[in-house]
Protein backbone atom coordinates (compact mmCIF):
# COMPACT_ATOMS: atom_id res chain seq x y z
CA MET A 1 88.85 84.07 106.39
CA VAL A 2 92.54 84.45 107.17
CA GLU A 3 93.65 84.34 110.79
CA LEU A 4 97.12 85.67 111.69
CA LYS A 5 99.07 84.34 114.66
CA ARG A 6 102.09 86.11 116.13
CA THR A 7 104.68 83.62 117.23
CA ASN A 8 108.42 82.90 116.98
CA SER A 9 110.71 80.93 114.68
CA GLU A 10 110.35 77.73 116.72
CA ASP A 11 106.67 77.46 115.73
CA LYS A 12 106.13 74.13 113.93
CA ASP A 13 103.75 75.64 111.37
CA PHE A 14 106.29 78.35 110.54
CA GLN A 15 109.02 75.72 110.12
CA TYR A 16 106.77 73.73 107.76
CA LEU A 17 106.00 76.82 105.65
CA VAL A 18 109.68 77.81 105.54
CA SER A 19 110.54 74.36 104.20
CA GLU A 20 107.94 74.89 101.44
CA LEU A 21 109.37 78.35 100.75
CA ASP A 22 112.89 76.95 100.51
CA LYS A 23 111.75 74.34 97.97
CA ASP A 24 110.13 77.07 95.85
CA LEU A 25 113.21 79.31 96.08
CA ALA A 26 115.54 76.47 95.06
CA ILE A 27 113.53 75.99 91.86
CA ARG A 28 113.18 79.69 91.03
CA ASN A 29 116.71 80.76 91.92
CA GLY A 30 118.48 77.77 90.42
CA GLU A 31 122.24 78.01 90.76
CA THR A 32 122.11 81.34 92.59
CA ASN A 33 120.05 79.88 95.44
CA GLU A 34 123.12 78.89 97.47
CA ILE A 35 124.07 82.57 97.74
CA PHE A 36 120.86 83.30 99.66
CA VAL A 37 120.67 80.25 101.95
CA GLN A 38 123.17 81.73 104.40
CA TYR A 39 120.99 84.85 104.86
CA ASN A 40 117.74 82.95 105.43
CA LYS A 41 118.44 81.09 108.67
CA THR A 42 115.54 81.35 111.10
CA ASP A 43 117.34 80.83 114.42
CA GLN A 44 117.86 84.59 114.96
CA ILE A 45 114.25 85.52 114.13
CA LYS A 46 112.04 86.26 117.11
CA ASN A 47 109.02 87.85 115.39
CA VAL A 48 107.00 85.53 113.16
CA LEU A 49 103.49 85.62 111.70
CA VAL A 50 101.68 82.51 110.49
CA ALA A 51 98.51 82.83 108.42
CA PHE A 52 95.79 80.19 108.77
CA ILE A 53 92.64 79.37 106.84
CA ASP A 54 90.37 76.91 108.65
CA SER A 55 93.22 76.00 111.04
CA THR A 56 95.55 75.15 108.15
CA PRO A 57 98.82 77.10 107.89
CA VAL A 58 98.87 78.80 104.47
CA GLY A 59 101.43 81.59 104.72
CA CYS A 60 104.08 83.24 106.83
CA GLY A 61 106.35 86.20 107.25
CA ALA A 62 108.92 87.24 109.80
CA MET A 63 111.10 90.13 110.80
CA LYS A 64 114.32 90.75 112.64
CA LYS A 65 116.11 93.83 113.84
CA TYR A 66 118.30 95.36 111.14
CA ASP A 67 119.34 98.53 112.98
CA PRO A 68 117.96 100.55 115.91
CA ASN A 69 115.20 102.06 113.72
CA THR A 70 114.66 99.32 111.15
CA MET A 71 113.17 95.84 110.98
CA GLU A 72 114.06 93.55 108.09
CA ILE A 73 111.14 91.56 106.69
CA LYS A 74 112.14 87.94 106.05
CA ARG A 75 110.68 84.58 104.97
CA MET A 76 107.52 85.84 103.25
CA TYR A 77 105.57 82.94 101.75
CA VAL A 78 102.04 81.96 100.73
CA ALA A 79 101.08 78.52 99.44
CA LEU A 80 101.15 78.54 95.64
CA HIS A 81 97.47 77.68 95.19
CA LEU A 82 96.39 80.61 97.42
CA ARG A 83 98.44 83.41 95.90
CA GLY A 84 96.62 86.49 94.66
CA LYS A 85 94.03 86.40 97.46
CA GLY A 86 95.53 89.12 99.68
CA ILE A 87 97.14 86.79 102.22
CA ALA A 88 100.68 88.08 101.70
CA ALA A 89 99.45 91.69 101.89
CA ALA A 90 97.72 90.93 105.20
CA ILE A 91 100.90 89.32 106.56
CA LEU A 92 103.04 92.26 105.43
CA GLN A 93 100.64 94.84 106.89
CA ASP A 94 100.58 93.07 110.25
CA LEU A 95 104.38 92.78 110.30
CA GLU A 96 104.61 96.54 109.68
CA LYS A 97 102.07 97.19 112.44
CA TRP A 98 104.00 94.93 114.83
CA ALA A 99 107.31 96.63 113.97
CA LYS A 100 105.73 100.00 114.71
CA GLU A 101 104.35 98.69 118.03
CA LEU A 102 107.93 97.64 118.90
CA GLY A 103 109.18 101.18 118.25
CA TYR A 104 110.67 100.80 114.75
CA SER A 105 110.10 103.44 112.06
CA LYS A 106 111.19 101.61 108.91
CA CYS A 107 111.12 98.20 107.26
CA VAL A 108 113.52 96.85 104.64
CA ILE A 109 113.04 93.81 102.44
CA GLU A 110 115.23 91.91 99.98
CA THR A 111 113.89 89.68 97.25
CA GLY A 112 115.29 88.11 94.13
CA ASP A 113 114.73 89.21 90.56
CA GLN A 114 112.98 85.87 89.90
CA MET A 115 110.16 86.71 92.35
CA PRO A 116 107.63 88.78 90.38
CA GLU A 117 104.85 88.21 92.93
CA ALA A 118 107.01 89.56 95.76
CA ILE A 119 108.22 92.53 93.72
CA GLY A 120 104.62 93.39 92.82
CA LEU A 121 103.45 93.05 96.43
CA TYR A 122 106.17 95.31 97.79
CA LYS A 123 105.60 97.99 95.15
CA LYS A 124 101.82 97.84 95.69
CA SER A 125 102.45 98.14 99.45
CA ASN A 126 104.37 101.43 98.93
CA TYR A 127 107.88 100.06 99.34
CA ILE A 128 110.49 101.86 97.26
CA VAL A 129 113.49 100.28 95.59
CA ILE A 130 116.75 101.22 97.31
CA PRO A 131 120.41 100.36 96.69
CA ASN A 132 121.10 96.84 97.90
CA TYR A 133 121.88 96.85 101.62
CA GLY A 134 124.05 94.78 103.96
CA PRO A 135 124.84 91.27 102.76
CA TYR A 136 122.99 91.85 99.46
CA ARG A 137 125.18 94.84 98.49
CA HIS A 138 127.08 92.95 95.79
CA ILE A 139 124.41 90.46 94.70
CA GLU A 140 123.17 91.56 91.28
CA CYS A 141 120.03 89.41 91.32
CA SER A 142 118.82 90.99 94.59
CA ILE A 143 116.29 93.79 94.71
CA CYS A 144 116.00 95.72 97.98
CA PHE A 145 113.13 97.87 99.22
CA GLU A 146 112.30 100.10 102.17
CA LYS A 147 109.25 101.75 103.65
CA ASN A 148 108.79 104.23 106.46
CA ILE A 149 106.06 102.96 108.77
């Protein structure tokens, strides 16, 4: 059974999972990875979820304020051997719930075109593709989504 813990970006389990995520992204994104590194810093993120199975951290997600009505979902990751088991969907649903509790009405997410699992999750979770926003506006390999919550 998956247990979700709300925490912040200083959480040691979150930092471990982010390091695993960054390794995966470096492989998948190849040369374009350097473009994204600058947008994935965790020091400004205050809202973090860590997923555990039997006290072992297996996944994470985070969010930060994008505008007065919108939270941006960041740093979504599930350990490779546990993908397809609903962990990422549970993280995303709880982040949406948390954003709503904080008074936000929308979530936005950016992912890369080399992330089929993420693209599938967001579409299955009723996110719609939108024109690339903010820092991703001119990055052709980015795909941006939004959802009213």
